[in-house]
Amino acid sequence: MRIKIINPNTTWSMTEKIGACARSVARPGTEIVAVSPSMGPASIESHYDEALAVPGLLQEIAAGEREGIDGYVIACFGDPGLQAARELARGPVVGIAQAAMHVASLVGTRFSVVTTLGRTVGQAWHLAEAYGMKRFCANVRACEIAVLELEAPGSKARERIVDECRRALDEDGCDTIVLGCAGMADLCAHIGQLLGVPVVDGVAAGTQLVESLVNLRLSTSKRGELAAPPAKPIAGLLEGFTLPAPPLKRAA
């Protein structure tokens, strides 16, 4: 089995950390291919960043289809381009926010999301509602840490994240923590041991969910909304994204 973990930003050090996290939970025999797109923002912290990240993400999905990849994880907590990626891919595509929220609902009664910047809190609530997880979500809390600060030498980000997780448990009435950024993936076990509650990282959860879906021989349905997108001309900078027309069906 080959699973492609796509970090939609272009910060390669974060991609390496995400790939290591995925490999630590993958089953023997599963190959993890961790990539960043060749174009896009260094971090994703706004709707603008997210929109700019999607073309590069879709390029990586298309490349994965040519390479025979079995399934994909989108390693950004905004789940950018998730439905478009599912249209392109034959195998399953899982976003880490959707994966983390669903897994958290299986190991506790209510979870709080601890994320980076306050400006992304609304998007996390939107995803919780879209995924039917709002009734399990006690709160979404921001540490006011820029994503790239997670990679900075000497950063106090780890301590601030732990403190916010502790406040969530004390103040929100939750019993489970969801880490709201792929760049926090390496902190999951540490925080869980410190606080004594389930702490869910979406990279690990997404990796194991994709493995399970592939083993169950379940792929994204191609009937209706998530069928392959219709071929049509695409102009300008995105001309390279033009899809080939499907082969003509032979008459019976």
C-alpha atoms as a PDB file:
ATOM      1  CA  MET A   1       0.000   0.000   0.000  1.00  0.00           C
ATOM      2  CA  ARG A   2       1.267   3.495  -0.878  1.00  0.00           C
ATOM      3  CA  ILE A   3      -0.215   6.518   0.904  1.00  0.00           C
ATOM      4  CA  LYS A   4       0.646  10.061  -0.095  1.00  0.00           C
ATOM      5  CA  ILE A   5       0.658  12.619   2.717  1.00  0.00           C
ATOM      6  CA  ILE A   6       0.335  16.091   1.201  1.00  0.00           C
ATOM      7  CA  ASN A   7       1.335  19.074   3.287  1.00  0.00           C
ATOM      8  CA  PRO A   8      -0.343  21.842   1.238  1.00  0.00           C
ATOM      9  CA  ASN A   9       2.185  24.475   2.330  1.00  0.00           C
ATOM     10  CA  THR A  10       5.711  24.702   0.947  1.00  0.00           C
ATOM     11  CA  THR A  11       7.711  24.489   4.198  1.00  0.00           C
ATOM     12  CA  TRP A  12       9.665  21.292   3.695  1.00  0.00           C
ATOM     13  CA  SER A  13      10.868  20.955   7.308  1.00  0.00           C
ATOM     14  CA  MET A  14       7.228  20.701   8.372  1.00  0.00           C
ATOM     15  CA  THR A  15       6.569  18.129   5.648  1.00  0.00           C
ATOM     16  CA  GLU A  16       9.422  15.967   6.953  1.00  0.00           C
ATOM     17  CA  LYS A  17       7.962  16.124  10.480  1.00  0.00           C
ATOM     18  CA  ILE A  18       4.500  15.230   9.163  1.00  0.00           C
ATOM     19  CA  GLY A  19       5.910  12.314   7.176  1.00  0.00           C
ATOM     20  CA  ALA A  20       7.743  10.986  10.235  1.00  0.00           C
ATOM     21  CA  CYS A  21       4.519  11.120  12.249  1.00  0.00           C
ATOM     22  CA  ALA A  22       2.625   9.197   9.560  1.00  0.00           C
ATOM     23  CA  ARG A  23       5.355   6.551   9.322  1.00  0.00           C
ATOM     24  CA  SER A  24       5.322   6.072  13.098  1.00  0.00           C
ATOM     25  CA  VAL A  25       1.714   4.828  12.995  1.00  0.00           C
ATOM     26  CA  ALA A  26       1.591   3.175   9.552  1.00  0.00           C
ATOM     27  CA  ARG A  27       1.422  -0.591   9.388  1.00  0.00           C
ATOM     28  CA  PRO A  28       4.395  -2.670   8.215  1.00  0.00           C
ATOM     29  CA  GLY A  29       4.348  -2.764   4.432  1.00  0.00           C
ATOM     30  CA  THR A  30       2.687   0.644   4.031  1.00  0.00           C
ATOM     31  CA  GLU A  31       4.864   3.127   2.158  1.00  0.00           C
ATOM     32  CA  ILE A  32       4.378   6.756   3.197  1.00  0.00           C
ATOM     33  CA  VAL A  33       5.201   9.366   0.556  1.00  0.00           C
ATOM     34  CA  ALA A  34       5.259  12.822   2.195  1.00  0.00           C
ATOM     35  CA  VAL A  35       5.317  15.820  -0.141  1.00  0.00           C
ATOM     36  CA  SER A  36       4.811  19.557  -0.372  1.00  0.00           C
ATOM     37  CA  PRO A  37       3.589  21.189  -3.595  1.00  0.00           C
ATOM     38  CA  SER A  38       6.058  23.028  -5.801  1.00  0.00           C
ATOM     39  CA  MET A  39       3.944  26.180  -5.516  1.00  0.00           C
ATOM     40  CA  GLY A  40       1.891  27.824  -2.798  1.00  0.00           C
ATOM     41  CA  PRO A  41       2.256  29.674   0.506  1.00  0.00           C
ATOM     42  CA  ALA A  42       4.858  28.894   3.171  1.00  0.00           C
ATOM     43  CA  SER A  43       2.049  28.442   5.701  1.00  0.00           C
ATOM     44  CA  ILE A  44      -1.755  28.427   5.609  1.00  0.00           C
ATOM     45  CA  GLU A  45      -3.314  30.891   8.030  1.00  0.00           C
ATOM     46  CA  SER A  46      -6.077  32.599   6.052  1.00  0.00           C
ATOM     47  CA  HIS A  47      -8.719  31.950   3.410  1.00  0.00           C
ATOM     48  CA  TYR A  48      -6.356  33.605   0.917  1.00  0.00           C
ATOM     49  CA  ASP A  49      -3.522  31.215   1.827  1.00  0.00           C
ATOM     50  CA  GLU A  50      -5.894  28.279   1.572  1.00  0.00           C
ATOM     51  CA  ALA A  51      -7.104  29.267  -1.901  1.00  0.00           C
ATOM     52  CA  LEU A  52      -3.524  29.666  -3.137  1.00  0.00           C
ATOM     53  CA  ALA A  53      -2.567  26.258  -1.712  1.00  0.00           C
ATOM     54  CA  VAL A  54      -5.236  24.301  -3.593  1.00  0.00           C
ATOM     55  CA  PRO A  55      -3.718  24.291  -7.139  1.00  0.00           C
ATOM     56  CA  GLY A  56      -0.424  22.846  -5.873  1.00  0.00           C
ATOM     57  CA  LEU A  57      -2.323  20.294  -3.792  1.00  0.00           C
ATOM     58  CA  LEU A  58      -4.316  19.183  -6.825  1.00  0.00           C
ATOM     59  CA  GLN A  59      -1.106  18.869  -8.840  1.00  0.00           C
ATOM     60  CA  GLU A  60       0.144  16.413  -6.223  1.00  0.00           C
ATOM     61  CA  ILE A  61      -3.103  14.432  -6.366  1.00  0.00           C
ATOM     62  CA  ALA A  62      -2.882  14.226 -10.159  1.00  0.00           C
ATOM     63  CA  ALA A  63       0.761  13.114  -9.916  1.00  0.00           C
ATOM     64  CA  GLY A  64      -0.220  10.503  -7.352  1.00  0.00           C
ATOM     65  CA  GLU A  65      -2.821   9.094  -9.709  1.00  0.00           C
ATOM     66  CA  ARG A  66      -0.154   8.657 -12.384  1.00  0.00           C
ATOM     67  CA  GLU A  67       2.132   7.000  -9.813  1.00  0.00           C
ATOM     68  CA  GLY A  68      -0.470   4.491  -8.616  1.00  0.00           C
ATOM     69  CA  ILE A  69      -0.927   5.902  -5.103  1.00  0.00           C
ATOM     70  CA  ASP A  70      -3.613   4.026  -3.138  1.00  0.00           C
ATOM     71  CA  GLY A  71      -4.864   6.857  -0.895  1.00  0.00           C
ATOM     72  CA  TYR A  72      -4.139  10.379   0.311  1.00  0.00           C
ATOM     73  CA  VAL A  73      -4.053  12.463   3.483  1.00  0.00           C
ATOM     74  CA  ILE A  74      -4.391  16.255   3.229  1.00  0.00           C
ATOM     75  CA  ALA A  75      -2.214  17.461   6.106  1.00  0.00           C
ATOM     76  CA  CYS A  76      -3.653  20.883   6.884  1.00  0.00           C
ATOM     77  CA  PHE A  77      -6.366  21.409   9.500  1.00  0.00           C
ATOM     78  CA  GLY A  78      -8.449  23.536   7.123  1.00  0.00           C
ATOM     79  CA  ASP A  79      -8.820  20.459   4.853  1.00  0.00           C
ATOM     80  CA  PRO A  80      -8.205  22.680   1.786  1.00  0.00           C
ATOM     81  CA  GLY A  81      -9.338  21.322  -1.566  1.00  0.00           C
ATOM     82  CA  LEU A  82     -10.681  18.126  -0.003  1.00  0.00           C
ATOM     83  CA  GLN A  83     -13.711  17.642  -2.233  1.00  0.00           C
ATOM     84  CA  ALA A  84     -11.817  18.629  -5.393  1.00  0.00           C
ATOM     85  CA  ALA A  85      -9.098  16.130  -4.491  1.00  0.00           C
ATOM     86  CA  ARG A  86     -11.745  13.432  -4.049  1.00  0.00           C
ATOM     87  CA  GLU A  87     -13.028  14.180  -7.553  1.00  0.00           C
ATOM     88  CA  LEU A  88      -9.559  13.538  -8.996  1.00  0.00           C
ATOM     89  CA  ALA A  89      -8.533  10.497  -6.959  1.00  0.00           C
ATOM     90  CA  ARG A  90      -9.520   6.888  -7.474  1.00  0.00           C
ATOM     91  CA  GLY A  91      -8.656   5.941  -3.890  1.00  0.00           C
ATOM     92  CA  PRO A  92      -9.772   7.512  -0.605  1.00  0.00           C
ATOM     93  CA  VAL A  93      -8.771  11.073   0.352  1.00  0.00           C
ATOM     94  CA  VAL A  94      -8.972  12.103   4.018  1.00  0.00           C
ATOM     95  CA  GLY A  95      -8.460  15.562   5.526  1.00  0.00           C
ATOM     96  CA  ILE A  96      -6.840  15.740   8.942  1.00  0.00           C
ATOM     97  CA  ALA A  97      -9.554  17.896  10.521  1.00  0.00           C
ATOM     98  CA  GLN A  98     -12.297  15.486   9.507  1.00  0.00           C
ATOM     99  CA  ALA A  99     -10.211  12.516  10.626  1.00  0.00           C
ATOM    100  CA  ALA A 100      -9.257  14.022  13.997  1.00  0.00           C
ATOM    101  CA  MET A 101     -12.769  15.150  14.879  1.00  0.00           C
ATOM    102  CA  HIS A 102     -14.321  11.786  14.080  1.00  0.00           C
ATOM    103  CA  VAL A 103     -11.651   9.850  15.971  1.00  0.00           C
ATOM    104  CA  ALA A 104     -11.989  12.193  18.975  1.00  0.00           C
ATOM    105  CA  SER A 105     -15.735  11.539  19.073  1.00  0.00           C
ATOM    106  CA  LEU A 106     -14.984   7.807  19.454  1.00  0.00           C
ATOM    107  CA  VAL A 107     -12.722   8.119  22.499  1.00  0.00           C
ATOM    108  CA  GLY A 108     -14.448  10.844  24.515  1.00  0.00           C
ATOM    109  CA  THR A 109     -17.729  12.670  24.913  1.00  0.00           C
ATOM    110  CA  ARG A 110     -16.551  16.208  24.012  1.00  0.00           C
ATOM    111  CA  PHE A 111     -13.353  17.539  22.500  1.00  0.00           C
ATOM    112  CA  SER A 112     -11.731  20.944  22.300  1.00  0.00           C
ATOM    113  CA  VAL A 113      -9.614  21.943  19.309  1.00  0.00           C
ATOM    114  CA  VAL A 114      -6.362  23.733  20.157  1.00  0.00           C
ATOM    115  CA  THR A 115      -5.094  25.590  17.109  1.00  0.00           C
ATOM    116  CA  THR A 116      -2.609  28.289  16.125  1.00  0.00           C
ATOM    117  CA  LEU A 117      -4.067  31.734  15.341  1.00  0.00           C
ATOM    118  CA  GLY A 118      -7.373  33.186  16.447  1.00  0.00           C
ATOM    119  CA  ARG A 119      -8.259  34.126  12.894  1.00  0.00           C
ATOM    120  CA  THR A 120      -8.578  30.397  12.027  1.00  0.00           C
ATOM    121  CA  VAL A 121     -11.028  29.587  14.840  1.00  0.00           C
ATOM    122  CA  GLY A 122     -14.088  30.324  12.696  1.00  0.00           C
ATOM    123  CA  GLN A 123     -12.929  27.917   9.991  1.00  0.00           C
ATOM    124  CA  ALA A 124     -12.501  25.125  12.550  1.00  0.00           C
ATOM    125  CA  TRP A 125     -16.045  25.708  13.824  1.00  0.00           C
ATOM    126  CA  HIS A 126     -17.298  25.709  10.226  1.00  0.00           C
ATOM    127  CA  LEU A 127     -15.669  22.334   9.587  1.00  0.00           C
ATOM    128  CA  ALA A 128     -17.064  20.897  12.832  1.00  0.00           C
ATOM    129  CA  GLU A 129     -20.541  21.873  11.684  1.00  0.00           C
ATOM    130  CA  ALA A 130     -20.022  20.640   8.118  1.00  0.00           C
ATOM    131  CA  TYR A 131     -18.773  17.251   9.386  1.00  0.00           C
ATOM    132  CA  GLY A 132     -21.623  16.812  11.882  1.00  0.00           C
ATOM    133  CA  MET A 133     -19.166  17.158  14.756  1.00  0.00           C
ATOM    134  CA  LYS A 134     -20.359  20.423  16.293  1.00  0.00           C
ATOM    135  CA  ARG A 135     -22.329  18.653  19.032  1.00  0.00           C
ATOM    136  CA  PHE A 136     -19.090  16.951  20.161  1.00  0.00           C
ATOM    137  CA  CYS A 137     -16.957  20.107  19.974  1.00  0.00           C
ATOM    138  CA  ALA A 138     -16.776  21.924  23.306  1.00  0.00           C
ATOM    139  CA  ASN A 139     -14.579  24.763  22.089  1.00  0.00           C
ATOM    140  CA  VAL A 140     -11.971  25.900  19.571  1.00  0.00           C
ATOM    141  CA  ARG A 141      -9.058  27.668  21.247  1.00  0.00           C
ATOM    142  CA  ALA A 142      -6.139  29.557  19.702  1.00  0.00           C
ATOM    143  CA  CYS A 143      -2.624  29.838  21.114  1.00  0.00           C
ATOM    144  CA  GLU A 144      -1.863  32.892  18.944  1.00  0.00           C
ATOM    145  CA  ILE A 145       1.167  31.122  17.508  1.00  0.00           C
ATOM    146  CA  ALA A 146       2.022  31.561  13.824  1.00  0.00           C
ATOM    147  CA  VAL A 147       2.390  28.238  12.024  1.00  0.00           C
ATOM    148  CA  LEU A 148       6.031  28.916  11.139  1.00  0.00           C
ATOM    149  CA  GLU A 149       6.791  29.624  14.812  1.00  0.00           C
ATOM    150  CA  LEU A 150       6.292  25.883  15.373  1.00  0.00           C
ATOM    151  CA  GLU A 151       9.470  25.386  13.296  1.00  0.00           C
ATOM    152  CA  ALA A 152      11.529  28.194  14.833  1.00  0.00           C
ATOM    153  CA  PRO A 153      14.565  27.193  16.970  1.00  0.00           C
ATOM    154  CA  GLY A 154      14.120  28.285  20.579  1.00  0.00           C
ATOM    155  CA  SER A 155      10.385  28.891  20.154  1.00  0.00           C
ATOM    156  CA  LYS A 156       8.177  28.657  23.245  1.00  0.00           C
ATOM    157  CA  ALA A 157       5.369  27.258  21.099  1.00  0.00           C
ATOM    158  CA  ARG A 158       5.383  23.826  22.767  1.00  0.00           C
ATOM    159  CA  GLU A 159       4.858  25.293  26.240  1.00  0.00           C
ATOM    160  CA  ARG A 160       2.090  27.606  25.045  1.00  0.00           C
ATOM    161  CA  ILE A 161       0.269  24.754  23.327  1.00  0.00           C
ATOM    162  CA  VAL A 162       0.475  22.571  26.446  1.00  0.00           C
ATOM    163  CA  ASP A 163      -0.825  25.444  28.571  1.00  0.00           C
ATOM    164  CA  GLU A 164      -3.772  26.017  26.222  1.00  0.00           C
ATOM    165  CA  CYS A 165      -4.617  22.304  26.239  1.00  0.00           C
ATOM    166  CA  ARG A 166      -4.595  22.352  30.038  1.00  0.00           C
ATOM    167  CA  ARG A 167      -6.904  25.390  30.092  1.00  0.00           C
ATOM    168  CA  ALA A 168      -9.237  23.604  27.679  1.00  0.00           C
ATOM    169  CA  LEU A 169      -9.586  20.687  30.085  1.00  0.00           C
ATOM    170  CA  ASP A 170     -10.092  23.016  33.062  1.00  0.00           C
ATOM    171  CA  GLU A 171     -12.562  25.419  31.433  1.00  0.00           C
ATOM    172  CA  ASP A 172     -14.374  23.778  28.495  1.00  0.00           C
ATOM    173  CA  GLY A 173     -15.876  20.642  30.001  1.00  0.00           C
ATOM    174  CA  CYS A 174     -14.044  18.502  27.436  1.00  0.00           C
ATOM    175  CA  ASP A 175     -12.312  15.174  27.983  1.00  0.00           C
ATOM    176  CA  THR A 176     -10.325  14.984  24.742  1.00  0.00           C
ATOM    177  CA  ILE A 177      -7.994  17.346  22.865  1.00  0.00           C
ATOM    178  CA  VAL A 178      -7.729  17.715  19.083  1.00  0.00           C
ATOM    179  CA  LEU A 179      -4.551  19.386  17.836  1.00  0.00           C
ATOM    180  CA  GLY A 180      -5.627  21.896  15.195  1.00  0.00           C
ATOM    181  CA  CYS A 181      -2.502  22.073  13.033  1.00  0.00           C
ATOM    182  CA  ALA A 182      -0.443  19.457  11.195  1.00  0.00           C
ATOM    183  CA  GLY A 183       2.666  21.214  12.479  1.00  0.00           C
ATOM    184  CA  MET A 184       1.743  20.057  15.996  1.00  0.00           C
ATOM    185  CA  ALA A 185       1.867  16.381  15.017  1.00  0.00           C
ATOM    186  CA  ASP A 186       5.064  15.658  16.930  1.00  0.00           C
ATOM    187  CA  LEU A 187       3.582  17.013  20.185  1.00  0.00           C
ATOM    188  CA  CYS A 188       0.686  14.566  20.442  1.00  0.00           C
ATOM    189  CA  ALA A 189       2.241  11.845  22.608  1.00  0.00           C
ATOM    190  CA  HIS A 190       4.021  14.384  24.834  1.00  0.00           C
ATOM    191  CA  ILE A 191       0.815  16.306  25.592  1.00  0.00           C
ATOM    192  CA  GLY A 192      -1.195  13.134  26.135  1.00  0.00           C
ATOM    193  CA  GLN A 193       1.329  11.867  28.698  1.00  0.00           C
ATOM    194  CA  LEU A 194       1.417  15.219  30.507  1.00  0.00           C
ATOM    195  CA  LEU A 195      -2.349  15.684  30.717  1.00  0.00           C
ATOM    196  CA  GLY A 196      -3.557  12.089  30.960  1.00  0.00           C
ATOM    197  CA  VAL A 197      -6.324  12.398  28.344  1.00  0.00           C
ATOM    198  CA  PRO A 198      -6.662  11.334  24.693  1.00  0.00           C
ATOM    199  CA  VAL A 199      -4.902  13.812  22.414  1.00  0.00           C
ATOM    200  CA  VAL A 200      -5.723  13.337  18.731  1.00  0.00           C
ATOM    201  CA  ASP A 201      -3.392  14.365  15.935  1.00  0.00           C
ATOM    202  CA  GLY A 202      -5.084  14.417  12.534  1.00  0.00           C
ATOM    203  CA  VAL A 203      -1.997  13.247  10.624  1.00  0.00           C
ATOM    204  CA  ALA A 204      -1.849   9.985  12.566  1.00  0.00           C
ATOM    205  CA  ALA A 205      -5.634   9.597  12.530  1.00  0.00           C
ATOM    206  CA  GLY A 206      -5.841  10.331   8.809  1.00  0.00           C
ATOM    207  CA  THR A 207      -3.059   7.888   7.978  1.00  0.00           C
ATOM    208  CA  GLN A 208      -4.732   5.017   9.779  1.00  0.00           C
ATOM    209  CA  LEU A 209      -8.157   5.858   8.382  1.00  0.00           C
ATOM    210  CA  VAL A 210      -6.806   5.800   4.821  1.00  0.00           C
ATOM    211  CA  GLU A 211      -5.073   2.472   5.516  1.00  0.00           C
ATOM    212  CA  SER A 212      -8.357   1.052   6.805  1.00  0.00           C
ATOM    213  CA  LEU A 213     -10.360   2.317   3.821  1.00  0.00           C
ATOM    214  CA  VAL A 214      -7.861   0.824   1.381  1.00  0.00           C
ATOM    215  CA  ASN A 215      -7.898  -2.494   3.237  1.00  0.00           C
ATOM    216  CA  LEU A 216     -11.703  -2.444   3.117  1.00  0.00           C
ATOM    217  CA  ARG A 217     -11.474  -1.798  -0.643  1.00  0.00           C
ATOM    218  CA  LEU A 218     -13.488   1.392  -0.216  1.00  0.00           C
ATOM    219  CA  SER A 219     -12.839   4.308  -2.542  1.00  0.00           C
ATOM    220  CA  THR A 220     -14.537   7.645  -3.038  1.00  0.00           C
ATOM    221  CA  SER A 221     -17.856   7.173  -4.809  1.00  0.00           C
ATOM    222  CA  LYS A 222     -17.765   8.287  -8.437  1.00  0.00           C
ATOM    223  CA  ARG A 223     -21.521   8.506  -8.743  1.00  0.00           C
ATOM    224  CA  GLY A 224     -22.879  12.034  -8.596  1.00  0.00           C
ATOM    225  CA  GLU A 225     -21.109  14.960  -6.958  1.00  0.00           C
ATOM    226  CA  LEU A 226     -17.662  13.376  -6.613  1.00  0.00           C
ATOM    227  CA  ALA A 227     -17.464  11.965 -10.136  1.00  0.00           C
ATOM    228  CA  ALA A 228     -14.435  13.045 -12.159  1.00  0.00           C
ATOM    229  CA  PRO A 229     -14.742  16.751 -13.074  1.00  0.00           C
ATOM    230  CA  PRO A 230     -15.905  17.458 -16.635  1.00  0.00           C
ATOM    231  CA  ALA A 231     -13.193  18.269 -19.168  1.00  0.00           C
ATOM    232  CA  LYS A 232     -13.205  21.873 -20.373  1.00  0.00           C
ATOM    233  CA  PRO A 233     -10.701  24.513 -21.504  1.00  0.00           C
ATOM    234  CA  ILE A 234      -8.735  26.207 -18.710  1.00  0.00           C
ATOM    235  CA  ALA A 235      -6.873  29.378 -19.642  1.00  0.00           C
ATOM    236  CA  GLY A 236      -3.975  31.472 -18.374  1.00  0.00           C
ATOM    237  CA  LEU A 237      -1.692  30.410 -15.541  1.00  0.00           C
ATOM    238  CA  LEU A 238      -3.881  27.373 -14.854  1.00  0.00           C
ATOM    239  CA  GLU A 239      -3.792  26.050 -18.421  1.00  0.00           C
ATOM    240  CA  GLY A 240      -1.777  23.047 -17.255  1.00  0.00           C
ATOM    241  CA  PHE A 241      -4.729  21.914 -15.134  1.00  0.00           C
ATOM    242  CA  THR A 242      -6.886  21.175 -18.215  1.00  0.00           C
ATOM    243  CA  LEU A 243      -8.164  17.619 -17.902  1.00  0.00           C
ATOM    244  CA  PRO A 244      -8.165  15.187 -20.802  1.00  0.00           C
ATOM    245  CA  ALA A 245     -11.544  14.311 -22.269  1.00  0.00           C
ATOM    246  CA  PRO A 246     -12.822  10.880 -21.210  1.00  0.00           C
ATOM    247  CA  PRO A 247     -12.606   8.149 -23.866  1.00  0.00           C
ATOM    248  CA  LEU A 248     -15.666   7.762 -26.068  1.00  0.00           C
ATOM    249  CA  LYS A 249     -17.871   4.796 -25.211  1.00  0.00           C
ATOM    250  CA  ARG A 250     -18.157   2.216 -27.940  1.00  0.00           C
ATOM    251  CA  ALA A 251     -21.585   1.527 -29.331  1.00  0.00           C
ATOM    252  CA  ALA A 252     -23.035  -1.784 -28.287  1.00  0.00           C
END
